[in-house]
Amino acid sequence: MGIKVIKGGLLTTVQDLGRKGYRKDGIIVSGAMDTLALEIGNLLLGNDAAEAGLECTLLGPKLLFETDQLVAITGGNLSPMVDDKPVKMWRPVFIPGGAVLSFGSAVAGCRSYLTVSGGFDLPKVLGSYSTYLKAGFGGYKGRALKNEDELSFKKAYEPKGGVFNWSVGLQLYPEFNDNEIRVMKGPEYELFTGQSIAALFNEYYMITKEADRMGYRLEGAALLLTEPKEMLSSAVTFGTIQVTSNGAAILLMADHQTTGGYPRILQVITADLTKLAQMRSGQQIRFKLVTLAEARQAMLHTEMQLKQLKQTITLKQI
């Protein structure tokens, strides 16, 4: 028993923290765009932080729960409802068998995460539940959810009589209206003109309609090399900003390729990938240059807050 998909939504996929260790074989990491939201959702339910959840994009799915279940909804606010009644996010929510979870319009952010107690009963592929859309494997049949799909739960939820009148504080989650993205210099940063570098940190860059799980194409001042240079294909990662031959910036996201032949001008710090994951077409970005030490400190701060959250959540209520 589990859930039956009434409507699949715009793009609803099974994701965990990614398929790691296979980049050398040309297999991407993939995983949740907003790993912080997914981790918090799992912690709220007493799951392992890397348990799989559903990533719902902009227009969320409509799901029939065939049996009782405890869930958490985190990340972007896509107006979740149970039987057409608004339901709170960032807390455990009991959904009785026969109820329907649906989503309305996107109020803030663009990606919401649904986790269930114990997780979904799906096979792992190369050590991960994540859906690799381009290759067609992982997750649920290697694709986004469609109408009439059915996902089983790993275990039946057994109520323990807890009252779910608490929610997680959002101090560790970034503000949706904060468009400042911290970056470090990329390997080819010094190859760009001074005018291009000045534009990077003094002007806004807008996310165009060409934005998906692979990457965001940015619109803004052209970024030009001081002189033409032949580039070898080199490693890239989540948050790498490449520059095409015509000076356009492309910001790589969770489903990015393993290598790229364009110069890498900047690298978004790990702590700000959540902000990026919740941005949508039309939003503007302002880049701020930071040092490696500052980037490491920001990441450690987030990890410390997650650890504290795990320690303070009262699992007896779950």
Protein backbone atom coordinates (compact mmCIF):
# COMPACT_ATOMS: atom_id res chain seq x y z
CA MET A 1 0.00 0.00 0.00
CA GLY A 2 1.17 3.51 -0.71
CA ILE A 3 0.04 6.38 -2.90
CA LYS A 4 -1.72 6.50 -6.26
CA VAL A 5 -0.94 9.37 -8.58
CA ILE A 6 -4.11 11.14 -9.72
CA LYS A 7 -2.16 13.92 -11.47
CA GLY A 8 1.58 13.84 -12.00
CA GLY A 9 2.14 17.59 -11.83
CA LEU A 10 4.56 19.57 -13.97
CA LEU A 11 7.66 17.56 -12.98
CA THR A 12 7.51 15.24 -10.00
CA THR A 13 10.45 12.88 -9.54
CA VAL A 14 11.88 10.60 -6.87
CA GLN A 15 15.16 12.04 -5.57
CA ASP A 16 17.58 11.44 -2.72
CA LEU A 17 20.98 13.02 -2.01
CA GLY A 18 22.45 11.77 -5.27
CA ARG A 19 24.27 8.93 -7.00
CA LYS A 20 27.86 9.39 -5.89
CA GLY A 21 31.03 7.67 -6.98
CA TYR A 22 30.26 7.16 -10.67
CA ARG A 23 31.27 10.44 -12.29
CA LYS A 24 34.41 8.77 -13.62
CA ASP A 25 32.09 6.51 -15.60
CA GLY A 26 30.17 9.46 -17.01
CA ILE A 27 27.16 8.97 -14.70
CA ILE A 28 25.90 12.18 -13.12
CA VAL A 29 25.21 12.63 -9.41
CA SER A 30 21.67 13.95 -9.94
CA GLY A 31 19.69 13.95 -6.67
CA ALA A 32 17.48 16.64 -5.14
CA MET A 33 17.97 20.18 -6.38
CA ASP A 34 17.39 21.39 -2.81
CA THR A 35 19.15 18.81 -0.65
CA LEU A 36 18.67 20.90 2.50
CA ALA A 37 14.86 20.78 2.21
CA LEU A 38 14.95 17.03 1.57
CA GLU A 39 17.22 16.38 4.55
CA ILE A 40 15.03 18.42 6.89
CA GLY A 41 11.93 16.57 5.68
CA ASN A 42 13.53 13.24 6.46
CA LEU A 43 14.78 14.38 9.86
CA LEU A 44 11.26 15.52 10.79
CA LEU A 45 10.05 11.95 10.30
CA GLY A 46 12.97 10.15 11.90
CA ASN A 47 14.19 8.87 8.53
CA ASP A 48 17.77 8.61 7.42
CA ALA A 49 18.74 11.97 5.90
CA ALA A 50 19.41 10.30 2.55
CA GLU A 51 15.99 8.62 2.25
CA ALA A 52 14.19 9.31 -1.02
CA GLY A 53 11.37 11.83 -1.34
CA LEU A 54 9.30 13.38 -4.11
CA GLU A 55 10.59 16.59 -5.69
CA CYS A 56 7.58 18.59 -6.93
CA THR A 57 8.25 21.47 -9.31
CA LEU A 58 6.03 24.58 -9.61
CA LEU A 59 2.78 22.71 -10.28
CA GLY A 60 2.70 19.87 -7.79
CA PRO A 61 1.00 16.46 -8.10
CA LYS A 62 -2.31 15.20 -6.79
CA LEU A 63 -1.85 12.04 -4.72
CA LEU A 64 -4.31 9.58 -3.21
CA PHE A 65 -3.09 7.97 0.01
CA GLU A 66 -4.26 4.38 0.06
CA THR A 67 -3.35 3.94 3.73
CA ASP A 68 -2.52 6.05 6.79
CA GLN A 69 0.83 7.78 6.58
CA LEU A 70 2.92 10.45 8.27
CA VAL A 71 4.53 12.92 5.89
CA ALA A 72 6.51 16.15 5.87
CA ILE A 73 6.42 18.86 3.21
CA THR A 74 9.42 21.17 2.99
CA GLY A 75 11.14 23.52 0.55
CA GLY A 76 9.14 25.85 -1.67
CA ASN A 77 5.54 26.63 -0.73
CA LEU A 78 3.33 25.18 -3.47
CA SER A 79 0.15 25.60 -1.38
CA PRO A 80 -0.22 21.99 -0.14
CA MET A 81 -3.72 20.79 0.77
CA VAL A 82 -5.22 17.61 2.17
CA ASP A 83 -8.78 17.08 0.93
CA ASP A 84 -8.77 20.72 -0.23
CA LYS A 85 -7.84 22.06 3.22
CA PRO A 86 -4.51 23.91 3.63
CA VAL A 87 -1.86 21.91 5.44
CA LYS A 88 1.17 23.27 7.27
CA MET A 89 4.71 22.73 6.09
CA TRP A 90 7.95 22.02 7.99
CA ARG A 91 6.28 19.65 10.46
CA PRO A 92 5.03 16.05 10.59
CA VAL A 93 1.53 15.79 9.09
CA PHE A 94 -0.74 12.77 9.51
CA ILE A 95 -2.66 11.85 6.34
CA PRO A 96 -5.40 9.20 6.75
CA GLY A 97 -6.01 6.49 4.19
CA GLY A 98 -8.38 7.69 1.48
CA ALA A 99 -7.28 11.34 1.72
CA VAL A 100 -5.89 13.29 -1.21
CA LEU A 101 -2.81 15.49 -1.03
CA SER A 102 -2.73 18.17 -3.71
CA PHE A 103 -0.88 21.39 -4.44
CA GLY A 104 -2.07 24.78 -5.64
CA SER A 105 -0.07 27.74 -6.87
CA ALA A 106 3.57 28.43 -6.00
CA VAL A 107 3.58 31.05 -3.24
CA ALA A 108 7.32 31.04 -2.56
CA GLY A 109 10.14 29.10 -4.17
CA CYS A 110 9.46 26.58 -6.91
CA ARG A 111 10.36 23.12 -5.56
CA SER A 112 8.58 21.34 -2.73
CA TYR A 113 9.66 18.04 -1.16
CA LEU A 114 7.37 15.30 0.12
CA THR A 115 8.89 12.74 2.47
CA VAL A 116 7.03 9.84 4.10
CA SER A 117 7.74 7.94 7.29
CA GLY A 118 10.12 5.09 6.46
CA GLY A 119 10.47 6.13 2.82
CA PHE A 120 9.25 4.74 -0.49
CA ASP A 121 9.75 1.10 -1.42
CA LEU A 122 11.79 1.44 -4.60
CA PRO A 123 14.92 -0.30 -5.90
CA LYS A 124 18.25 1.46 -5.70
CA VAL A 125 20.25 1.83 -8.89
CA LEU A 126 24.00 2.22 -8.35
CA GLY A 127 23.38 2.96 -4.69
CA SER A 128 20.76 5.67 -5.14
CA TYR A 129 17.02 6.16 -5.53
CA SER A 130 17.49 9.32 -7.61
CA THR A 131 15.84 9.65 -11.00
CA TYR A 132 18.29 10.19 -13.85
CA LEU A 133 15.85 11.55 -16.42
CA LYS A 134 18.15 11.69 -19.46
CA ALA A 135 19.33 8.10 -19.04
CA GLY A 136 15.94 6.81 -17.93
CA PHE A 137 16.87 4.93 -14.77
CA GLY A 138 16.49 5.25 -11.02
CA GLY A 139 13.53 6.60 -9.09
CA TYR A 140 10.18 5.38 -10.41
CA LYS A 141 10.84 3.66 -13.76
CA GLY A 142 13.48 6.26 -14.57
CA ARG A 143 10.96 9.00 -15.27
CA ALA A 144 8.71 11.68 -13.82
CA LEU A 145 5.48 10.51 -12.23
CA LYS A 146 2.42 10.14 -14.44
CA ASN A 147 -1.29 9.70 -13.82
CA GLU A 148 -2.19 6.26 -12.42
CA ASP A 149 1.34 5.50 -11.16
CA GLU A 150 1.50 3.78 -7.76
CA LEU A 151 4.30 4.03 -5.21
CA SER A 152 4.49 1.73 -2.21
CA PHE A 153 5.70 2.64 1.26
CA LYS A 154 8.52 0.68 2.86
CA LYS A 155 6.44 0.19 5.97
CA ALA A 156 2.98 0.87 7.33
CA TYR A 157 2.74 3.86 9.63
CA GLU A 158 1.96 2.90 13.22
CA PRO A 159 0.56 5.84 15.24
CA LYS A 160 2.12 6.31 18.65
CA GLY A 161 -0.37 8.81 20.00
CA GLY A 162 1.84 11.85 19.48
CA VAL A 163 0.46 15.34 18.90
CA PHE A 164 2.15 17.11 16.01
CA ASN A 165 1.81 20.67 17.26
CA TRP A 166 5.41 21.65 16.62
CA SER A 167 7.43 22.56 13.56
CA VAL A 168 11.06 23.12 12.73
CA GLY A 169 12.46 26.64 13.01
CA LEU A 170 13.52 28.08 9.67
CA GLN A 171 16.66 29.85 10.84
CA LEU A 172 18.79 27.41 8.84
CA TYR A 173 16.78 27.81 5.64
CA PRO A 174 17.48 30.81 3.37
CA GLU A 175 14.98 33.56 2.66
CA PHE A 176 13.21 33.17 -0.68
CA ASN A 177 13.55 36.88 -1.44
CA ASP A 178 17.33 36.88 -0.96
CA ASN A 179 18.86 36.93 -4.44
CA GLU A 180 22.51 37.29 -3.39
CA ILE A 181 24.50 34.21 -4.40
CA ARG A 182 27.98 33.72 -2.98
CA VAL A 183 30.62 32.46 -5.37
CA MET A 184 34.32 31.64 -5.56
CA LYS A 185 36.65 32.18 -8.48
CA GLY A 186 36.53 29.44 -11.09
CA PRO A 187 39.63 27.88 -12.68
CA GLU A 188 39.45 30.19 -15.73
CA TYR A 189 38.39 33.34 -13.85
CA GLU A 190 41.61 35.20 -14.65
CA LEU A 191 41.14 34.70 -18.41
CA PHE A 192 38.21 37.15 -18.56
CA THR A 193 38.42 40.89 -19.21
CA GLY A 194 38.31 43.37 -16.37
CA GLN A 195 35.06 44.78 -17.75
CA SER A 196 33.47 41.33 -17.65
CA ILE A 197 34.60 40.76 -14.05
CA ALA A 198 33.25 44.16 -13.03
CA ALA A 199 29.88 43.34 -14.62
CA LEU A 200 29.70 40.03 -12.73
CA PHE A 201 29.65 41.73 -9.35
CA ASN A 202 28.00 45.05 -10.13
CA GLU A 203 25.11 44.01 -12.35
CA TYR A 204 22.21 41.59 -12.07
CA TYR A 205 21.90 38.41 -14.10
CA MET A 206 18.44 37.05 -14.84
CA ILE A 207 17.42 33.40 -15.07
CA THR A 208 15.92 32.90 -18.53
CA LYS A 209 13.19 30.50 -19.62
CA GLU A 210 15.96 28.01 -20.45
CA ALA A 211 16.10 26.68 -16.89
CA ASP A 212 15.71 23.09 -15.75
CA ARG A 213 17.37 20.46 -13.58
CA MET A 214 20.45 20.50 -15.85
CA GLY A 215 21.13 24.21 -15.60
CA TYR A 216 20.02 27.84 -15.85
CA ARG A 217 20.97 30.05 -18.78
CA LEU A 218 21.54 33.58 -17.48
CA GLU A 219 20.83 36.85 -19.24
CA GLY A 220 23.09 39.81 -18.54
CA ALA A 221 26.26 41.58 -19.61
CA ALA A 222 28.40 39.47 -21.96
CA LEU A 223 31.42 37.82 -20.33
CA LEU A 224 34.41 37.93 -22.67
CA LEU A 225 37.86 36.37 -22.63
CA THR A 226 40.89 38.63 -22.98
CA GLU A 227 41.85 36.52 -26.00
CA PRO A 228 40.49 33.41 -27.74
CA LYS A 229 41.50 30.19 -26.02
CA GLU A 230 41.03 26.54 -26.92
CA MET A 231 39.60 24.73 -23.90
CA LEU A 232 39.98 21.09 -22.98
CA SER A 233 36.92 19.35 -21.56
CA SER A 234 37.25 19.62 -17.77
CA ALA A 235 35.34 18.58 -14.67
CA VAL A 236 32.29 20.57 -13.62
CA THR A 237 29.95 20.29 -10.66
CA PHE A 238 26.67 21.55 -9.19
CA GLY A 239 26.98 25.35 -9.13
CA THR A 240 29.72 25.71 -11.74
CA ILE A 241 29.18 28.75 -13.95
CA GLN A 242 30.43 28.25 -17.49
CA VAL A 243 30.62 30.87 -20.24
CA THR A 244 29.73 30.03 -23.83
CA SER A 245 31.62 31.29 -26.86
CA ASN A 246 29.18 34.19 -27.24
CA GLY A 247 29.67 35.36 -23.65
CA ALA A 248 26.51 33.89 -22.09
CA ALA A 249 26.67 32.41 -18.59
CA ILE A 250 25.24 28.96 -17.84
CA LEU A 251 24.79 27.93 -14.21
CA LEU A 252 24.95 24.14 -13.83
CA MET A 253 22.41 22.46 -11.56
CA ALA A 254 21.81 18.96 -10.14
CA ASP A 255 21.56 17.08 -13.46
CA HIS A 256 24.63 18.73 -14.97
CA GLN A 257 26.99 16.79 -17.22
CA THR A 258 30.22 15.44 -15.69
CA THR A 259 32.57 17.51 -17.88
CA GLY A 260 32.36 20.65 -19.99
CA GLY A 261 34.45 22.45 -22.58
CA TYR A 262 33.52 26.04 -21.72
CA PRO A 263 35.64 28.21 -19.38
CA ARG A 264 34.51 28.06 -15.75
CA ILE A 265 34.37 31.60 -14.44
CA LEU A 266 32.73 31.05 -11.03
CA GLN A 267 31.67 28.34 -8.60
CA VAL A 268 28.61 28.83 -6.36
CA ILE A 269 29.34 27.83 -2.77
CA THR A 270 27.58 24.74 -1.42
CA ALA A 271 25.66 26.70 1.22
CA ASP A 272 23.87 28.75 -1.46
CA LEU A 273 22.77 25.90 -3.74
CA THR A 274 19.45 25.78 -1.87
CA LYS A 275 18.73 29.38 -2.87
CA LEU A 276 19.44 28.56 -6.50
CA ALA A 277 17.25 25.45 -6.42
CA GLN A 278 14.26 27.56 -5.35
CA MET A 279 14.73 30.24 -8.02
CA ARG A 280 12.71 30.28 -11.22
CA SER A 281 12.75 31.89 -14.65
CA GLY A 282 12.59 35.68 -14.49
CA GLN A 283 14.33 36.02 -11.14
CA GLN A 284 17.50 38.09 -10.88
CA ILE A 285 20.76 37.04 -9.25
CA ARG A 286 23.47 39.21 -7.72
CA PHE A 287 26.84 37.50 -7.27
CA LYS A 288 29.11 38.09 -4.28
CA LEU A 289 32.72 36.90 -4.31
CA VAL A 290 33.90 35.08 -1.17
CA THR A 291 37.01 33.17 -0.16
CA LEU A 292 37.38 29.41 0.24
CA ALA A 293 37.55 29.90 4.02
CA GLU A 294 34.26 31.83 4.00
CA ALA A 295 32.63 29.17 1.83
CA ARG A 296 33.80 26.41 4.16
CA GLN A 297 32.55 28.31 7.21
CA ALA A 298 29.10 28.76 5.64
CA MET A 299 28.89 25.04 4.88
CA LEU A 300 30.01 24.06 8.39
CA HIS A 301 27.42 26.42 9.87
CA THR A 302 24.62 24.68 7.93
CA GLU A 303 25.92 21.23 8.90
CA MET A 304 26.05 22.25 12.57
CA GLN A 305 22.45 23.49 12.46
CA LEU A 306 21.29 20.23 10.86
CA LYS A 307 23.07 18.28 13.58
CA GLN A 308 21.40 20.38 16.26
CA LEU A 309 18.02 19.88 14.60
CA LYS A 310 18.49 16.12 14.59
CA GLN A 311 19.36 16.20 18.28
CA THR A 312 16.40 18.35 19.30
CA ILE A 313 13.59 16.69 17.34
CA THR A 314 11.59 14.52 19.73
CA LEU A 315 11.32 11.22 17.94
CA LYS A 316 8.81 9.93 20.49
CA GLN A 317 6.21 12.06 18.75
CA ILE A 318 6.68 10.20 15.47
